[in-house]
């Protein structure tokens, strides 16, 4: 299995541990991650709080880069919001006006790495690969911007 991969700004800062864990788990499960070339901010909280069109332009740009590379697969779910909003032609026109290159009509599917692990790889297959069980260890989940999306999506 090979996925387009968007580590995001926080993956290189505030959630660097999550980033390292994601890459390690994917390596162990032989899930190839191909980082999207020249990715930029996804327009999550800061841009989204100021301007939905700008936020979507940032996300759409990343999706367009993945599409240009012939990639489909994992990306921050903020990108899913942009893909959803881009279905509206007037909104798409506003977004494309902000970009150097207009987005393709069909943007790649966006899913979280958690979806890939559970839905595509499977919990049973993951359990078979466990080398050091984490029994007795308290775990705190980090969903961050990876799971934030409007309720209607």
Protein backbone atom coordinates (compact mmCIF):
# COMPACT_ATOMS: atom_id res chain seq x y z
CA UNK A 1 0.00 0.00 0.00
CA UNK A 2 1.32 3.44 -0.96
CA UNK A 3 -0.16 6.76 0.16
CA UNK A 4 0.37 10.40 -0.61
CA UNK A 5 1.39 11.85 2.71
CA UNK A 6 0.89 15.30 4.14
CA UNK A 7 2.76 15.67 7.44
CA UNK A 8 1.54 19.22 8.03
CA UNK A 9 3.14 22.06 9.91
CA UNK A 10 2.39 20.63 13.35
CA UNK A 11 4.03 17.33 12.36
CA UNK A 12 7.29 19.21 12.29
CA UNK A 13 6.62 21.11 15.49
CA UNK A 14 4.02 20.63 18.20
CA UNK A 15 3.12 17.05 17.22
CA UNK A 16 6.54 15.83 16.11
CA UNK A 17 6.10 12.69 18.26
CA UNK A 18 2.88 11.88 16.41
CA UNK A 19 4.70 12.35 13.11
CA UNK A 20 7.54 10.01 14.10
CA UNK A 21 5.07 7.44 15.40
CA UNK A 22 3.01 7.60 12.21
CA UNK A 23 6.07 7.01 10.05
CA UNK A 24 7.31 4.18 12.30
CA UNK A 25 3.93 2.41 12.31
CA UNK A 26 3.61 2.72 8.54
CA UNK A 27 7.16 1.40 8.07
CA UNK A 28 6.39 -1.60 10.30
CA UNK A 29 3.18 -2.31 8.39
CA UNK A 30 4.90 -1.78 5.01
CA UNK A 31 2.64 1.15 4.16
CA UNK A 32 4.60 3.45 1.89
CA UNK A 33 4.28 7.17 2.53
CA UNK A 34 5.18 9.50 -0.34
CA UNK A 35 5.36 13.03 1.04
CA UNK A 36 3.60 15.53 -1.21
CA UNK A 37 6.28 17.69 -2.85
CA UNK A 38 6.34 21.40 -1.95
CA UNK A 39 3.36 21.11 0.44
CA UNK A 40 2.30 24.19 2.34
CA UNK A 41 0.15 25.04 5.35
CA UNK A 42 -3.24 23.35 5.07
CA UNK A 43 -5.07 26.50 6.16
CA UNK A 44 -6.33 24.93 9.35
CA UNK A 45 -7.11 27.02 12.41
CA UNK A 46 -5.29 30.32 11.72
CA UNK A 47 -6.30 30.80 8.09
CA UNK A 48 -9.70 29.18 8.56
CA UNK A 49 -10.52 31.59 11.38
CA UNK A 50 -9.78 34.56 9.09
CA UNK A 51 -10.93 33.53 5.62
CA UNK A 52 -12.59 30.30 4.42
CA UNK A 53 -11.58 30.93 0.81
CA UNK A 54 -7.91 31.44 1.71
CA UNK A 55 -8.00 28.39 3.97
CA UNK A 56 -9.48 26.28 1.20
CA UNK A 57 -6.97 27.65 -1.34
CA UNK A 58 -4.11 26.46 0.87
CA UNK A 59 -5.63 23.00 1.20
CA UNK A 60 -6.67 22.79 -2.45
CA UNK A 61 -3.12 23.67 -3.48
CA UNK A 62 -1.80 20.66 -1.55
CA UNK A 63 -4.42 18.39 -3.08
CA UNK A 64 -3.60 19.73 -6.56
CA UNK A 65 0.09 18.99 -5.95
CA UNK A 66 -0.78 15.42 -4.98
CA UNK A 67 -2.97 15.07 -8.07
CA UNK A 68 -0.20 16.43 -10.32
CA UNK A 69 2.12 13.75 -8.94
CA UNK A 70 -0.53 11.11 -9.64
CA UNK A 71 -1.00 10.49 -5.94
CA UNK A 72 -4.11 9.74 -3.98
CA UNK A 73 -4.48 8.96 -0.32
CA UNK A 74 -3.89 10.37 3.13
CA UNK A 75 -4.01 14.05 3.91
CA UNK A 76 -5.10 16.28 6.75
CA UNK A 77 -8.88 16.31 7.01
CA UNK A 78 -8.82 20.08 6.65
CA UNK A 79 -8.14 19.18 3.01
CA UNK A 80 -11.41 17.24 3.01
CA UNK A 81 -13.23 20.43 3.93
CA UNK A 82 -11.63 22.23 0.97
CA UNK A 83 -12.49 19.37 -1.39
CA UNK A 84 -16.10 19.47 -0.19
CA UNK A 85 -16.38 23.25 -0.58
CA UNK A 86 -14.74 23.14 -4.02
CA UNK A 87 -17.83 21.31 -5.33
CA UNK A 88 -19.53 24.72 -5.40
CA UNK A 89 -18.46 26.35 -8.69
CA UNK A 90 -18.56 29.93 -7.36
CA UNK A 91 -16.42 28.94 -4.37
CA UNK A 92 -14.02 27.04 -6.65
CA UNK A 93 -13.63 30.15 -8.82
CA UNK A 94 -12.72 32.25 -5.76
CA UNK A 95 -10.16 29.66 -4.64
CA UNK A 96 -8.64 29.30 -8.11
CA UNK A 97 -8.26 33.08 -8.33
CA UNK A 98 -5.84 32.86 -5.38
CA UNK A 99 -3.73 30.06 -6.87
CA UNK A 100 -0.96 30.17 -9.47
CA UNK A 101 -2.53 27.15 -11.18
CA UNK A 102 -6.23 26.27 -11.03
CA UNK A 103 -7.14 23.05 -9.25
CA UNK A 104 -8.17 20.05 -11.28
CA UNK A 105 -11.89 19.31 -11.28
CA UNK A 106 -11.31 16.05 -9.42
CA UNK A 107 -9.18 16.36 -6.30
CA UNK A 108 -7.67 13.29 -4.61
CA UNK A 109 -9.56 11.46 -1.89
CA UNK A 110 -8.57 12.54 1.61
CA UNK A 111 -8.54 10.24 4.61
CA UNK A 112 -6.77 10.19 7.93
CA UNK A 113 -4.00 7.73 8.63
CA UNK A 114 -6.24 6.29 11.37
CA UNK A 115 -8.87 5.45 8.74
CA UNK A 116 -6.23 3.75 6.60
CA UNK A 117 -4.97 1.71 9.52
CA UNK A 118 -8.42 0.52 10.63
CA UNK A 119 -10.40 0.38 7.37
CA UNK A 120 -7.74 -0.65 4.86
CA UNK A 121 -5.12 -2.46 6.89
CA UNK A 122 -7.28 -3.85 9.71
CA UNK A 123 -6.89 -4.15 13.45
CA UNK A 124 -6.21 -7.89 13.21
CA UNK A 125 -3.29 -7.35 10.84
CA UNK A 126 -1.96 -4.63 13.12
CA UNK A 127 -2.24 -6.91 16.18
CA UNK A 128 -0.17 -9.56 14.37
CA UNK A 129 2.71 -7.08 13.99
CA UNK A 130 2.87 -6.02 17.66
CA UNK A 131 6.29 -6.77 19.11
CA UNK A 132 5.97 -5.05 22.46
CA UNK A 133 2.41 -4.89 23.84
CA UNK A 134 1.51 -1.65 25.58
CA UNK A 135 -0.55 -3.32 28.30
CA UNK A 136 -0.61 -1.29 31.50
CA UNK A 137 0.51 1.92 29.82
CA UNK A 138 -1.81 4.92 29.93
CA UNK A 139 -2.34 6.40 26.49
CA UNK A 140 -3.52 9.87 25.54
CA UNK A 141 -5.04 10.32 22.10
CA UNK A 142 -4.07 13.23 19.87
CA UNK A 143 -6.56 14.00 17.15
CA UNK A 144 -5.72 17.65 16.60
CA UNK A 145 -6.67 19.17 13.28
CA UNK A 146 -6.56 15.72 11.73
CA UNK A 147 -10.10 15.04 12.84
CA UNK A 148 -11.74 18.46 12.79
CA UNK A 149 -14.28 18.90 10.03
CA UNK A 150 -17.74 20.35 9.63
CA UNK A 151 -20.50 18.03 10.80
CA UNK A 152 -22.14 17.93 7.37
CA UNK A 153 -19.11 16.20 5.80
